Amino acid sequence: MIEIIERDRCVGCDRCIDVCPTRVFDRGPDGVPVMARQESCQTCFQCEAYCPTDALFVAPLVTAVACGSRLRDVSELQDSGLLGGYRRELGWGNGRALGARTAVGPEFPDPPPSRGPDLADPVPVPVPVPVPVTTDH
């Protein structure tokens, strides 16, 4: 369940609002998203995965954590590497640096180079020959 929206990291890109399948976020008056319907969170991690500045933390629990939990302590999450850790594990840009101003998706590796003439000149596929149909009885 979503536990942290780190206001100092958020750039107001709305990516979390856009990707949330259950629409738990509303845009706050200052541009920073707020959790308007936390009980609707399905713990899908999409908001955390797509946040370009690692401003969100989703606890791997289906119920909200208790007040005072270390899963709600921003300093603890930063020190432990959990804040931004999900994107790092996915390989999405190794987490984004603070100050990123655009929401971007994952970085995909370049495709492997072709392996010679066998890929450059594919084997021709035979074209089926139509069979004549007669209507005589």
Protein backbone atom coordinates (compact mmCIF):
# COMPACT_ATOMS: atom_id res chain seq x y z
CA MET A 1 0.00 0.00 0.00
CA ILE A 2 1.23 3.52 -0.76
CA GLU A 3 2.83 4.97 2.36
CA ILE A 4 5.05 7.86 1.25
CA ILE A 5 4.75 10.75 -1.18
CA GLU A 6 7.99 12.64 -0.59
CA ARG A 7 7.05 16.27 -1.29
CA ASP A 8 10.66 17.43 -1.61
CA ARG A 9 11.30 14.97 -4.45
CA CYS A 10 7.99 15.30 -6.31
CA VAL A 11 8.10 17.42 -9.49
CA GLY A 12 4.34 17.32 -10.12
CA CYS A 13 4.55 15.35 -13.38
CA ASP A 14 1.26 13.48 -12.70
CA ARG A 15 2.75 10.15 -13.80
CA CYS A 16 1.52 8.45 -10.61
CA ILE A 17 -1.98 9.82 -11.16
CA ASP A 18 -1.99 8.61 -14.77
CA VAL A 19 -0.76 5.05 -14.16
CA CYS A 20 -2.82 4.21 -11.07
CA PRO A 21 -5.46 1.63 -12.05
CA THR A 22 -7.69 2.47 -9.06
CA ARG A 23 -7.24 6.26 -9.10
CA VAL A 24 -6.09 6.64 -5.50
CA PHE A 25 -4.41 10.01 -6.15
CA ASP A 26 -5.81 13.51 -6.53
CA ARG A 27 -3.75 16.53 -7.49
CA GLY A 28 -3.14 18.66 -4.42
CA PRO A 29 -3.57 22.45 -4.47
CA ASP A 30 0.21 22.90 -4.63
CA GLY A 31 0.62 20.45 -7.54
CA VAL A 32 1.85 17.54 -5.43
CA PRO A 33 -0.41 14.46 -5.64
CA VAL A 34 -2.20 13.40 -2.47
CA MET A 35 -3.54 9.97 -1.52
CA ALA A 36 -7.27 10.60 -1.62
CA ARG A 37 -8.36 6.96 -1.51
CA GLN A 38 -5.57 4.94 0.11
CA GLU A 39 -7.95 2.09 0.95
CA SER A 40 -8.42 1.56 -2.82
CA CYS A 41 -4.69 0.94 -3.37
CA GLN A 42 -4.07 -2.54 -4.80
CA THR A 43 -0.32 -2.46 -4.06
CA CYS A 44 0.48 -2.84 -7.76
CA PHE A 45 3.63 -0.65 -7.48
CA GLN A 46 2.89 1.15 -10.77
CA CYS A 47 3.09 4.61 -9.19
CA GLU A 48 6.46 3.84 -7.61
CA ALA A 49 7.79 2.26 -10.80
CA TYR A 50 6.86 5.21 -13.00
CA CYS A 51 7.85 8.05 -10.63
CA PRO A 52 10.84 9.75 -12.32
CA THR A 53 12.20 11.13 -9.04
CA ASP A 54 11.57 8.21 -6.67
CA ALA A 55 9.19 10.32 -4.61
CA LEU A 56 6.87 7.40 -3.79
CA PHE A 57 7.19 4.39 -1.55
CA VAL A 58 4.75 1.50 -1.70
CA ALA A 59 4.98 -0.88 1.24
CA PRO A 60 4.62 -4.52 0.14
CA LEU A 61 1.51 -4.90 2.30
CA VAL A 62 -2.18 -4.81 1.44
CA THR A 63 -3.11 -2.81 4.54
CA ALA A 64 -1.75 0.51 5.75
CA VAL A 65 1.20 0.28 8.13
CA ALA A 66 0.91 1.59 11.68
CA CYS A 67 1.87 5.14 12.57
CA GLY A 68 5.48 5.24 13.71
CA SER A 69 6.46 2.31 11.50
CA ARG A 70 9.87 2.51 9.85
CA LEU A 71 7.99 1.99 6.56
CA ARG A 72 6.65 5.53 7.03
CA ASP A 73 9.98 7.09 8.00
CA VAL A 74 11.51 8.85 4.96
CA SER A 75 15.00 8.99 6.50
CA GLU A 76 14.91 5.28 7.30
CA LEU A 77 13.70 4.45 3.79
CA GLN A 78 16.44 6.58 2.22
CA ASP A 79 19.17 5.11 4.43
CA SER A 80 18.03 1.55 3.74
CA GLY A 81 17.78 2.13 -0.01
CA LEU A 82 14.08 1.28 -0.09
CA LEU A 83 13.05 4.73 -1.34
CA GLY A 84 13.71 4.35 -5.07
CA GLY A 85 14.72 0.73 -4.64
CA TYR A 86 11.87 -0.72 -6.65
CA ARG A 87 12.87 1.19 -9.82
CA ARG A 88 16.48 0.14 -9.30
CA GLU A 89 15.46 -3.51 -9.05
CA LEU A 90 13.43 -3.18 -12.24
CA GLY A 91 16.45 -1.66 -13.97
CA TRP A 92 14.52 1.46 -14.89
CA GLY A 93 17.34 3.97 -15.12
CA ASN A 94 18.88 2.81 -11.83
CA GLY A 95 16.46 5.15 -10.12
CA ARG A 96 16.20 8.76 -11.21
CA ALA A 97 18.39 11.54 -9.94
CA LEU A 98 16.81 14.30 -7.91
CA GLY A 99 15.86 17.19 -10.12
CA ALA A 100 14.54 15.11 -13.03
CA ARG A 101 11.90 17.25 -14.68
CA THR A 102 10.24 14.89 -17.12
CA ALA A 103 8.47 11.63 -16.56
CA VAL A 104 10.01 8.94 -18.70
CA GLY A 105 9.60 5.20 -18.83
CA PRO A 106 12.21 2.49 -18.54
CA GLU A 107 15.42 2.48 -20.52
CA PHE A 108 15.62 -0.52 -22.80
CA PRO A 109 18.94 -2.01 -23.92
CA ASP A 110 19.97 -1.84 -27.57
CA PRO A 111 18.96 -4.91 -29.58
CA PRO A 112 21.73 -7.45 -30.19
CA PRO A 113 23.60 -7.09 -33.49
CA SER A 114 22.54 -9.34 -36.35
CA ARG A 115 24.42 -12.62 -36.62
CA GLY A 116 25.44 -12.60 -40.26
CA PRO A 117 23.87 -13.39 -43.62
CA ASP A 118 21.40 -15.94 -42.25
CA LEU A 119 19.45 -13.11 -40.63
CA ALA A 120 20.02 -10.62 -43.44
CA ASP A 121 18.73 -13.03 -46.15
CA PRO A 122 15.80 -14.94 -44.68
CA VAL A 123 14.72 -18.21 -46.23
CA PRO A 124 11.89 -17.58 -48.72
CA VAL A 125 8.53 -18.91 -47.62
CA PRO A 126 6.74 -20.97 -50.28
CA VAL A 127 3.49 -19.45 -51.50
CA PRO A 128 0.58 -21.90 -51.44
CA VAL A 129 -0.86 -22.78 -54.86
CA PRO A 130 -4.63 -22.44 -55.06
CA VAL A 131 -6.51 -25.67 -55.75
CA PRO A 132 -9.22 -25.31 -58.41
CA VAL A 133 -12.70 -26.05 -57.15
CA THR A 134 -15.26 -27.55 -59.52
CA THR A 135 -18.98 -27.28 -59.08
CA ASP A 136 -19.93 -30.19 -61.41
CA HIS A 137 -21.87 -33.03 -59.81
